[in-house]
Protein backbone atom coordinates (compact mmCIF):
# COMPACT_ATOMS: atom_id res chain seq x y z
CA MET A 1 -111.50 12.94 -90.95
CA LYS A 2 -110.99 14.15 -87.27
CA PRO A 3 -107.53 15.61 -86.85
CA MET A 4 -105.38 12.98 -85.11
CA GLN A 5 -105.08 14.09 -81.57
CA PRO A 6 -102.16 13.57 -78.87
CA ALA A 7 -102.14 10.77 -77.01
CA ARG A 8 -101.73 12.02 -73.19
CA PRO A 9 -103.10 16.07 -74.04
CA LEU A 10 -101.17 18.33 -72.21
CA ASN A 11 -102.80 20.53 -69.99
CA GLY A 12 -101.32 24.26 -69.09
CA SER A 13 -102.67 24.76 -66.37
CA LEU A 14 -101.02 21.14 -64.93
CA HIS A 15 -97.56 22.17 -66.91
CA ASP A 16 -98.24 25.70 -64.83
CA HIS A 17 -98.70 24.03 -61.35
CA ILE A 18 -96.00 21.99 -62.04
CA HIS A 19 -93.36 24.55 -63.12
CA LEU A 20 -94.46 26.23 -59.47
CA ARG A 21 -93.75 23.07 -57.42
CA ASP A 22 -90.27 23.19 -59.04
CA PHE A 23 -89.21 26.57 -59.00
CA ALA A 24 -90.96 26.15 -55.22
CA TRP A 25 -88.74 23.32 -54.27
CA LEU A 26 -85.32 25.56 -55.37
CA LEU A 27 -86.54 28.60 -53.54
CA ALA A 28 -86.83 26.76 -50.45
CA ILE A 29 -83.43 25.52 -50.68
CA ALA A 30 -82.04 29.16 -51.08
CA LEU A 31 -84.51 30.37 -48.11
CA ILE A 32 -83.03 27.29 -46.08
CA LEU A 33 -79.63 28.50 -47.21
CA LEU A 34 -80.15 32.13 -46.16
CA ALA A 35 -81.38 31.03 -42.43
CA LEU A 36 -78.73 29.03 -41.89
CA ALA A 37 -75.98 32.17 -43.10
CA THR A 38 -78.05 34.54 -40.88
CA TRP A 39 -78.11 32.19 -37.79
CA GLY A 40 -74.18 31.96 -38.31
CA LEU A 41 -73.50 35.85 -38.40
CA LEU A 42 -76.12 36.30 -35.74
CA HIS A 43 -73.95 34.08 -33.34
CA LEU A 44 -70.41 35.81 -35.40
CA ALA A 45 -71.86 39.66 -34.28
CA PRO A 46 -71.37 41.21 -31.38
CA PRO A 47 -74.44 40.70 -28.66
CA PRO A 48 -76.32 44.13 -27.96
CA PRO A 49 -74.40 46.81 -26.11
CA PRO A 50 -74.60 46.86 -22.79
CA LYS A 51 -76.91 49.26 -20.40
CA GLN A 52 -74.60 48.68 -17.58
CA ILE A 53 -70.83 48.24 -16.61
CA VAL A 54 -69.78 47.44 -13.10
CA MET A 55 -66.61 48.78 -11.72
CA SER A 56 -64.62 48.11 -9.08
CA THR A 57 -62.84 51.58 -7.46
CA GLY A 58 -60.75 51.85 -4.55
CA ALA A 59 -61.18 53.81 -0.85
CA ALA A 60 -64.41 56.07 -0.61
CA ASP A 61 -62.03 59.10 -0.45
CA GLY A 62 -59.37 58.24 -2.39
CA ALA A 63 -58.41 59.42 -6.60
CA TYR A 64 -59.48 55.81 -7.61
CA HIS A 65 -62.98 56.34 -6.90
CA ALA A 66 -63.05 59.87 -7.79
CA TYR A 67 -62.04 59.52 -11.27
CA ALA A 68 -64.97 56.88 -11.11
CA LEU A 69 -67.63 59.67 -10.03
CA ARG A 70 -66.46 61.32 -13.25
CA TYR A 71 -66.07 58.69 -15.39
CA ARG A 72 -69.69 57.13 -14.19
CA ALA A 73 -71.26 60.88 -15.47
CA ILE A 74 -70.12 60.31 -18.49
CA LEU A 75 -71.28 57.04 -19.63
CA ALA A 76 -74.60 58.24 -17.83
CA GLU A 77 -74.60 61.09 -21.19
CA TYR A 78 -74.56 56.97 -23.20
CA GLY A 79 -77.22 56.46 -21.56
CA VAL A 80 -75.05 53.40 -19.65
CA ASP A 81 -74.84 52.80 -15.69
CA LEU A 82 -71.47 52.59 -14.48
CA VAL A 83 -72.28 50.82 -11.12
CA LEU A 84 -69.15 51.27 -8.61
CA ARG A 85 -68.34 48.72 -6.01
CA PRO A 86 -65.80 50.47 -3.59
CA SER A 87 -62.96 48.66 -2.16
CA LYS A 88 -59.66 48.81 -0.41
CA GLY A 89 -57.71 49.46 -2.95
CA ALA A 90 -56.05 47.96 -6.17
CA GLN A 91 -55.18 44.57 -4.96
CA GLU A 92 -58.15 44.04 -4.10
CA ASN A 93 -59.67 45.39 -7.47
CA LEU A 94 -57.18 42.72 -9.09
CA GLU A 95 -58.94 40.16 -6.59
CA ARG A 96 -62.55 40.72 -7.78
CA LEU A 97 -61.56 40.79 -11.53
CA ARG A 98 -60.00 37.38 -11.22
CA SER A 99 -62.91 36.14 -9.60
CA GLY A 100 -65.90 37.84 -11.19
CA THR A 101 -66.85 38.88 -7.51
CA ASP A 102 -69.98 41.23 -7.34
CA GLY A 103 -70.15 40.94 -11.06
CA VAL A 104 -67.10 43.50 -11.89
CA GLU A 105 -66.21 43.62 -15.00
CA VAL A 106 -63.32 46.85 -15.42
CA ALA A 107 -61.24 47.79 -12.44
CA LEU A 108 -58.27 50.83 -11.96
CA VAL A 109 -55.13 49.01 -10.63
CA GLN A 110 -51.58 49.61 -10.56
CA SER A 111 -49.09 48.35 -12.99
CA GLY A 112 -46.97 45.98 -11.27
CA LEU A 113 -49.82 44.07 -9.71
CA THR A 114 -50.84 41.66 -11.94
CA ARG A 115 -48.91 38.12 -12.53
CA ALA A 116 -46.97 36.76 -15.52
CA GLU A 117 -50.27 35.31 -16.96
CA GLU A 118 -53.82 36.32 -16.35
CA PRO A 119 -55.99 34.54 -18.68
CA ASP A 120 -59.18 35.72 -17.99
CA LEU A 121 -57.78 39.25 -17.98
CA VAL A 122 -56.91 42.31 -20.73
CA THR A 123 -55.24 46.01 -20.63
CA LEU A 124 -57.53 49.05 -21.93
CA GLY A 125 -54.37 50.82 -21.61
CA SER A 126 -52.71 53.51 -18.69
CA VAL A 127 -54.98 56.77 -17.90
CA PHE A 128 -52.79 58.87 -15.45
CA TYR A 129 -49.30 58.57 -13.58
CA GLU A 130 -49.33 57.24 -9.92
CA PRO A 131 -46.25 58.81 -8.75
CA VAL A 132 -44.91 57.69 -5.65
CA TRP A 133 -44.63 60.02 -3.09
CA PHE A 134 -42.33 59.78 0.69
CA PHE A 135 -43.44 62.25 3.15
CA TYR A 136 -41.91 62.68 5.71
CA ARG A 137 -40.95 65.15 9.08
CA ASP A 138 -37.04 65.63 10.13
CA LYS A 139 -34.91 68.65 9.90
CA HIS A 140 -32.42 67.30 7.63
CA GLU A 141 -32.85 66.66 3.91
CA LEU A 142 -33.63 63.34 3.03
CA LYS A 143 -33.43 62.32 -0.90
CA ARG A 144 -32.79 58.10 -0.35
CA ALA A 145 -35.13 55.28 1.05
CA PHE A 146 -32.78 53.97 3.35
CA GLU A 147 -32.11 57.00 5.13
CA LEU A 148 -35.62 56.02 6.51
CA VAL A 149 -34.21 53.84 9.11
CA GLY A 150 -35.15 53.70 12.35
CA LYS A 151 -38.72 55.75 11.84
CA LYS A 152 -42.16 55.24 11.72
CA VAL A 153 -43.48 54.91 8.22
CA ALA A 154 -47.14 54.70 7.09
CA ILE A 155 -46.85 52.08 4.71
CA GLY A 156 -50.42 52.03 3.29
CA ALA A 157 -54.18 50.20 4.09
CA PRO A 158 -54.24 46.07 4.40
CA GLY A 159 -54.88 44.65 0.66
CA SER A 160 -53.88 47.92 -1.32
CA GLY A 161 -51.52 48.64 -3.89
CA THR A 162 -49.51 51.14 -2.25
CA ALA A 163 -49.08 48.69 0.40
CA GLU A 164 -48.16 45.92 -1.98
CA LEU A 165 -45.41 48.48 -2.98
CA GLY A 166 -44.95 49.15 0.04
CA GLN A 167 -43.60 46.42 1.45
CA SER A 168 -41.49 45.65 -1.76
CA LEU A 169 -39.48 48.59 -1.71
CA ALA A 170 -39.15 48.29 1.96
CA ALA A 171 -37.74 44.96 1.76
CA GLY A 172 -35.48 46.46 -0.86
CA SER A 173 -34.62 49.00 1.37
CA GLY A 174 -34.00 47.94 4.52
CA LEU A 175 -37.04 49.26 5.96
CA ASP A 176 -38.70 46.27 7.05
CA ARG A 177 -36.65 45.36 10.32
CA PRO A 178 -36.71 47.30 13.53
CA PRO A 179 -36.00 49.70 14.67
CA THR A 180 -38.16 50.71 11.42
CA VAL A 181 -41.83 50.75 12.55
CA LEU A 182 -44.31 50.13 9.73
CA VAL A 183 -47.49 51.08 10.34
CA GLU A 184 -50.71 49.32 8.16
CA ILE A 185 -52.83 52.97 7.13
CA GLY A 186 -53.48 55.06 4.53
CA GLY A 187 -55.19 57.31 2.58
CA LEU A 188 -56.19 60.55 4.28
CA ALA A 189 -55.54 58.60 7.95
CA ALA A 190 -51.90 58.30 7.11
CA ALA A 191 -51.85 62.48 5.71
CA ASP A 192 -53.72 63.15 9.17
CA ALA A 193 -51.36 60.93 11.05
CA LEU A 194 -48.26 62.54 9.37
CA ALA A 195 -49.74 66.03 10.30
CA ALA A 196 -50.10 65.18 13.91
CA GLY A 197 -46.92 63.67 14.42
CA SER A 198 -47.95 59.89 14.70
CA VAL A 199 -45.71 58.67 12.37
CA ASP A 200 -43.03 60.04 10.73
CA VAL A 201 -43.21 59.24 6.86
CA ALA A 202 -45.93 58.79 4.85
CA PHE A 203 -45.95 56.85 1.99
CA PHE A 204 -48.68 56.88 -0.59
CA VAL A 205 -48.93 56.31 -4.44
CA SER A 206 -51.22 58.36 -5.55
CA SER A 207 -52.06 60.74 -8.74
CA VAL A 208 -50.85 64.23 -8.08
CA ASP A 209 -54.55 65.75 -7.19
CA GLY A 210 -54.94 62.67 -4.24
CA PRO A 211 -56.52 64.44 -1.36
CA PRO A 212 -53.80 62.62 0.84
CA VAL A 213 -51.14 64.55 -1.47
CA ALA A 214 -52.74 68.27 -1.89
CA LYS A 215 -53.11 68.17 1.97
CA LEU A 216 -49.46 67.06 2.47
CA LEU A 217 -48.13 69.75 0.29
CA ALA A 218 -50.07 72.69 1.77
CA THR A 219 -48.69 71.03 5.72
CA PRO A 220 -45.68 72.90 7.63
CA GLY A 221 -43.18 71.25 7.73
CA VAL A 222 -43.80 68.13 5.99
CA ARG A 223 -41.87 67.93 3.64
CA LEU A 224 -41.28 65.66 -0.26
CA MET A 225 -38.47 63.75 -0.67
CA ASP A 226 -36.93 63.98 -3.76
CA MET A 227 -36.01 60.30 -4.85
CA GLY A 228 -32.11 60.29 -5.67
CA HIS A 229 -32.39 56.57 -7.03
CA ALA A 230 -35.11 56.76 -8.88
CA ASP A 231 -33.31 56.00 -12.18
CA ALA A 232 -32.13 52.87 -10.36
CA TYR A 233 -35.56 51.97 -9.41
CA VAL A 234 -36.86 52.09 -13.23
CA ARG A 235 -34.04 50.16 -14.24
CA ARG A 236 -35.05 47.37 -12.15
CA LEU A 237 -38.77 47.75 -12.07
CA PRO A 238 -39.83 48.02 -15.95
CA HIS A 239 -43.14 48.96 -14.42
CA LEU A 240 -41.62 52.56 -12.91
CA HIS A 241 -41.53 55.45 -14.95
CA LYS A 242 -39.46 58.49 -13.77
CA ILE A 243 -40.70 61.75 -13.83
CA VAL A 244 -39.75 65.45 -12.21
CA LEU A 245 -41.65 67.68 -10.74
CA PRO A 246 -39.99 71.37 -11.52
CA GLU A 247 -39.27 73.87 -9.07
CA GLY A 248 -42.92 75.99 -7.70
CA VAL A 249 -44.67 73.84 -9.84
CA PHE A 250 -47.08 73.58 -7.30
CA ASP A 251 -47.40 76.66 -6.37
CA LEU A 252 -45.52 79.55 -7.83
CA LYS A 253 -45.86 82.13 -5.12
CA SER A 254 -44.60 80.20 -2.04
CA ASN A 255 -42.58 78.40 -4.24
CA VAL A 256 -43.61 75.16 -3.69
CA PRO A 257 -42.00 72.65 -4.01
CA PRO A 258 -38.59 74.46 -3.30
CA GLN A 259 -36.54 72.76 -6.06
CA SER A 260 -36.99 70.27 -8.39
CA VAL A 261 -38.24 66.96 -7.48
CA ALA A 262 -37.43 63.54 -8.91
CA LEU A 263 -39.61 60.98 -8.24
CA VAL A 264 -40.85 57.66 -9.27
CA ALA A 265 -44.35 56.55 -10.94
CA LEU A 266 -46.49 53.97 -11.54
CA THR A 267 -49.10 53.77 -14.13
CA ALA A 268 -53.16 53.17 -13.24
CA ASN A 269 -54.22 51.03 -16.00
CA LEU A 270 -57.96 50.05 -16.86
CA ILE A 271 -58.17 46.17 -16.06
CA ALA A 272 -61.03 44.36 -17.57
CA ARG A 273 -62.25 40.90 -17.87
CA ASP A 274 -61.84 39.56 -21.45
CA GLU A 275 -65.37 39.31 -22.58
CA LEU A 276 -66.22 42.91 -21.66
CA HIS A 277 -68.33 44.40 -24.60
CA PRO A 278 -66.78 46.18 -27.27
CA VAL A 279 -69.56 49.35 -26.73
CA ALA A 280 -68.27 48.95 -23.06
CA VAL A 281 -64.47 49.40 -24.06
CA GLU A 282 -64.99 52.59 -26.59
CA LEU A 283 -67.04 54.17 -23.65
CA LEU A 284 -64.66 54.13 -20.50
CA LEU A 285 -61.70 55.12 -23.07
CA THR A 286 -64.15 57.50 -24.51
CA ALA A 287 -64.59 58.64 -20.63
CA ALA A 288 -61.12 58.32 -19.79
CA LYS A 289 -59.99 60.48 -22.66
CA ARG A 290 -62.11 63.04 -21.61
CA VAL A 291 -61.29 62.86 -18.03
CA HIS A 292 -57.06 62.27 -18.02
CA GLY A 293 -56.48 63.53 -21.79
CA GLY A 294 -55.78 67.09 -21.10
CA PRO A 295 -52.04 68.57 -19.55
CA THR A 296 -51.49 68.37 -15.71
CA LEU A 297 -48.83 68.93 -13.40
CA LEU A 298 -46.86 65.77 -14.60
CA HIS A 299 -47.37 65.78 -18.24
CA GLY A 300 -48.74 67.66 -21.32
CA ALA A 301 -52.11 67.10 -22.86
CA ASN A 302 -52.85 63.91 -24.91
CA VAL A 303 -50.50 61.86 -22.57
CA PHE A 304 -53.78 59.71 -21.77
CA PRO A 305 -55.35 57.54 -21.99
CA ALA A 306 -52.82 55.04 -23.69
CA PRO A 307 -51.08 51.67 -24.10
CA MET A 308 -48.21 51.76 -21.98
CA ASP A 309 -49.02 49.26 -19.74
CA VAL A 310 -46.87 46.17 -20.71
CA SER A 311 -48.05 43.41 -18.00
CA LEU A 312 -51.54 42.48 -19.46
CA PRO A 313 -52.15 41.69 -23.49
CA LEU A 314 -53.75 45.12 -24.95
CA SER A 315 -57.72 44.50 -25.86
CA THR A 316 -58.27 44.04 -29.46
CA ASP A 317 -61.28 46.98 -28.74
CA ALA A 318 -58.84 49.01 -27.16
CA GLU A 319 -56.21 48.67 -29.97
CA ARG A 320 -59.02 49.52 -32.25
CA PHE A 321 -59.79 52.58 -30.19
CA TYR A 322 -56.17 54.02 -30.18
CA LYS A 323 -55.82 53.56 -33.70
CA ASP A 324 -58.44 53.85 -35.77
CA ARG A 325 -60.91 57.57 -36.40
CA PRO A 326 -64.42 57.07 -35.42
CA GLY A 327 -66.63 55.38 -38.39
CA LEU A 328 -68.43 57.66 -40.39
CA LEU A 329 -71.68 56.58 -38.94
CA ARG A 330 -70.43 57.43 -35.61
CA ARG A 331 -69.28 61.08 -36.34
CA LEU A 332 -72.67 61.64 -38.45
CA LEU A 333 -75.41 59.47 -36.15
CA PRO A 334 -76.39 60.02 -32.14
CA PHE A 335 -74.43 56.90 -30.56
CA TRP A 336 -76.54 54.33 -29.98
CA LEU A 337 -78.10 54.93 -33.59
CA ALA A 338 -74.47 54.41 -34.75
CA ILE A 339 -73.87 51.17 -32.55
CA TRP A 340 -77.22 49.54 -33.97
CA LEU A 341 -76.88 50.67 -37.71
CA GLU A 342 -73.26 48.77 -37.72
CA ARG A 343 -74.65 45.61 -36.16
CA ILE A 344 -77.28 45.28 -38.36
CA LEU A 345 -74.48 46.08 -41.48
CA PHE A 346 -72.55 43.67 -39.76
CA ILE A 347 -75.41 41.11 -40.83
CA LEU A 348 -77.03 42.52 -43.53
CA VAL A 349 -74.05 43.27 -45.86
CA PRO A 350 -72.25 39.50 -45.26
CA LEU A 351 -75.84 37.67 -45.86
CA ALA A 352 -76.55 40.24 -49.61
CA ALA A 353 -72.96 39.17 -50.59
CA ILE A 354 -74.34 35.25 -49.85
CA ALA A 355 -78.00 36.42 -51.34
CA VAL A 356 -76.90 38.32 -54.36
CA PRO A 357 -74.75 35.56 -56.42
CA LEU A 358 -77.68 32.81 -54.92
CA PHE A 359 -80.52 34.18 -56.43
CA ALA A 360 -78.65 35.21 -59.35
CA TYR A 361 -78.14 31.62 -59.93
CA LEU A 362 -81.41 30.54 -58.71
CA PRO A 363 -83.27 30.14 -62.94
CA LYS A 364 -79.39 28.92 -64.12
CA VAL A 365 -80.26 26.14 -61.89
CA TYR A 366 -83.82 25.30 -62.44
CA ASP A 367 -83.16 25.71 -66.32
CA TRP A 368 -80.10 22.95 -65.61
CA ARG A 369 -82.68 20.87 -63.96
CA MET A 370 -85.73 21.19 -66.69
CA ARG A 371 -82.81 20.08 -69.82
CA ARG A 372 -81.23 17.68 -67.67
CA ARG A 373 -84.72 15.79 -67.73
CA LEU A 374 -84.86 15.98 -71.47
CA ASP A 375 -81.58 14.85 -71.84
CA HIS A 376 -81.97 11.73 -69.84
CA TRP A 377 -84.33 10.63 -72.87
CA TYR A 378 -82.26 11.86 -75.71
CA ARG A 379 -79.17 9.92 -74.34
CA GLU A 380 -81.85 6.73 -74.49
CA LEU A 381 -82.78 7.71 -77.74
CA LYS A 382 -79.16 8.04 -79.06
CA ARG A 383 -78.56 4.12 -77.34
CA LEU A 384 -81.30 2.98 -79.58
CA GLU A 385 -79.72 4.30 -82.66
CA HIS A 386 -76.49 3.00 -81.77
CA ALA A 387 -78.15 -0.28 -81.41
CA THR A 388 -79.87 -0.73 -84.82
CA GLU A 389 -76.75 0.32 -86.52
CA ARG A 390 -75.39 -2.62 -84.48
CA GLY A 391 -77.45 -4.94 -85.58
CA SER A 392 -79.55 -5.52 -82.45
CA ALA A 393 -82.88 -7.38 -82.34
CA VAL A 394 -85.49 -4.81 -83.64
CA GLY A 395 -88.53 -6.10 -81.28
CA GLN A 396 -86.97 -5.71 -78.74
CA GLN A 397 -85.91 -1.98 -79.45
CA LEU A 398 -89.30 -1.00 -80.60
CA ALA A 399 -90.54 -1.95 -77.25
CA ARG A 400 -88.31 -0.01 -75.44
CA LEU A 401 -89.30 2.42 -77.91
CA ASP A 402 -92.99 2.21 -77.10
CA GLU A 403 -92.06 3.02 -73.26
CA ILE A 404 -90.13 6.25 -74.04
CA ASP A 405 -92.82 7.61 -76.00
CA SER A 406 -95.13 6.76 -73.37
CA ALA A 407 -93.11 8.71 -70.66
CA LEU A 408 -92.56 11.58 -73.05
CA ASN A 409 -96.72 11.23 -73.32
CA GLN A 410 -96.39 11.63 -69.65
CA LEU A 411 -93.62 14.20 -69.49
CA LYS A 412 -94.75 17.95 -67.96
CA VAL A 413 -92.30 20.69 -68.65
CA PRO A 414 -93.06 24.80 -68.57
CA MET A 415 -94.56 26.37 -71.33
CA GLY A 416 -90.43 28.23 -72.26
CA TYR A 417 -89.21 23.77 -72.50
CA LEU A 418 -92.20 22.74 -74.91
CA ASP A 419 -89.57 23.29 -78.45
CA ARG A 420 -87.67 20.82 -76.80
CA LEU A 421 -89.72 18.25 -75.92
CA TYR A 422 -91.75 18.27 -79.11
CA THR A 423 -87.94 18.19 -81.24
CA LEU A 424 -87.95 14.99 -78.87
CA ARG A 425 -90.87 13.58 -79.87
CA PHE A 426 -89.75 14.15 -83.82
CA HIS A 427 -86.93 12.29 -82.85
CA VAL A 428 -88.38 9.30 -81.76
CA THR A 429 -90.46 9.20 -84.85
CA TYR A 430 -87.30 9.14 -86.58
CA VAL A 431 -85.74 6.08 -84.61
CA ARG A 432 -89.28 4.51 -85.37
CA GLY A 433 -88.56 5.17 -88.38
CA LEU A 434 -85.36 3.55 -88.75
CA LEU A 435 -86.69 0.84 -86.71
CA GLY A 436 -89.29 0.37 -89.00
CA ALA A 437 -86.83 -0.06 -91.98
CA ARG A 438 -84.84 -2.80 -90.50
CA ALA A 439 -87.53 -4.63 -89.59
CA ARG A 440 -89.31 -4.65 -93.15
CA ALA A 441 -85.67 -5.21 -94.72
CA SER A 442 -84.97 -8.54 -92.32
CA GLU A 443 -88.65 -9.83 -93.76
CA HIS A 444 -87.45 -9.34 -97.29
CA ALA A 445 -83.96 -10.82 -96.54
CA PRO A 446 -83.34 -14.29 -98.01
């Protein structure tokens, strides 16, 4: 007699195929989730570092432009081209930043020029002091601005930050009306006019090594005004600072200046559009530290750059520069290699944090899916068993049991789950026996 054969023989290759198909679906879902996570991280990651930064500077013969040339040389060491746009001065620089004219992204701007709200602008910090200089020709020593009434004053070139501040100070001291004459020239032109006697007073906002200042300090017959009202100006205008030039600080041999001189000073600030790339912020402040970080005649070492500008919110990238040391990658690797590795790690680290648990749970999800298939039929058998105990119609229960048996013969599961499948079939046989016993008992009942 031939051995009994199953109604639907199990095919191992078909089982493997079903197994791989189910696992492939789960793997595809996991990969789609990873792809979505990668897409999100790419949008959150900072954009690639720029190769060009556009900066508005100032007059070609002024200190702003001279410093910008030094910035450009430093940024070139990092492979970044700092494109310089000369201007009339700080006021035009600010207008260019507000409008984004000529692609300007950053500029040097004097403190006190920005409005209360500049929604698209942030400050990177202050980089140097810009003292307010009053040079004059007079046989008497002058110490207060109102003593200049009746003189011819070079107030600064139109559109410059010097002219903006000069007009404000002139109005506060009564110099904005006759007999005082305000002449709108600045820079070396104003210094030459004072040296030649064409004007009586020249007003400058300039760093200590600005060409007009250096020229007039060495010009015979020209004096530097000691600001007697320096404390009052600082109290009334919070963006001003008081500094004191010690006697002889410019020239000890010639004793220039011949006594200590009090000045008020603005700060020159790096102002940028708020979308400026974080790497550009870091490079500009690195250049500023190399250019302005040493001691000068006005202050000691490591004073600048500094977050001294209170007129605009400090850039978050600039705040990080002032607070944090360079990371390990920046200290060990070339700059651009470190930048790109940081960007790659920004994506890979959270991606790994998602991928590791996702693929760790993949087998568990697959196991749950396989067990769920078999548990469905176990629930059906349990229902039939309970129906038998309650005395339901045996014919209907046997018909349903045949349907379950047929479905189990066609059910495909991986090799690792065949023991559960055969156990389930054994339980089907057990329930069939219960139903058969009940049917026979029904036939012999009176």
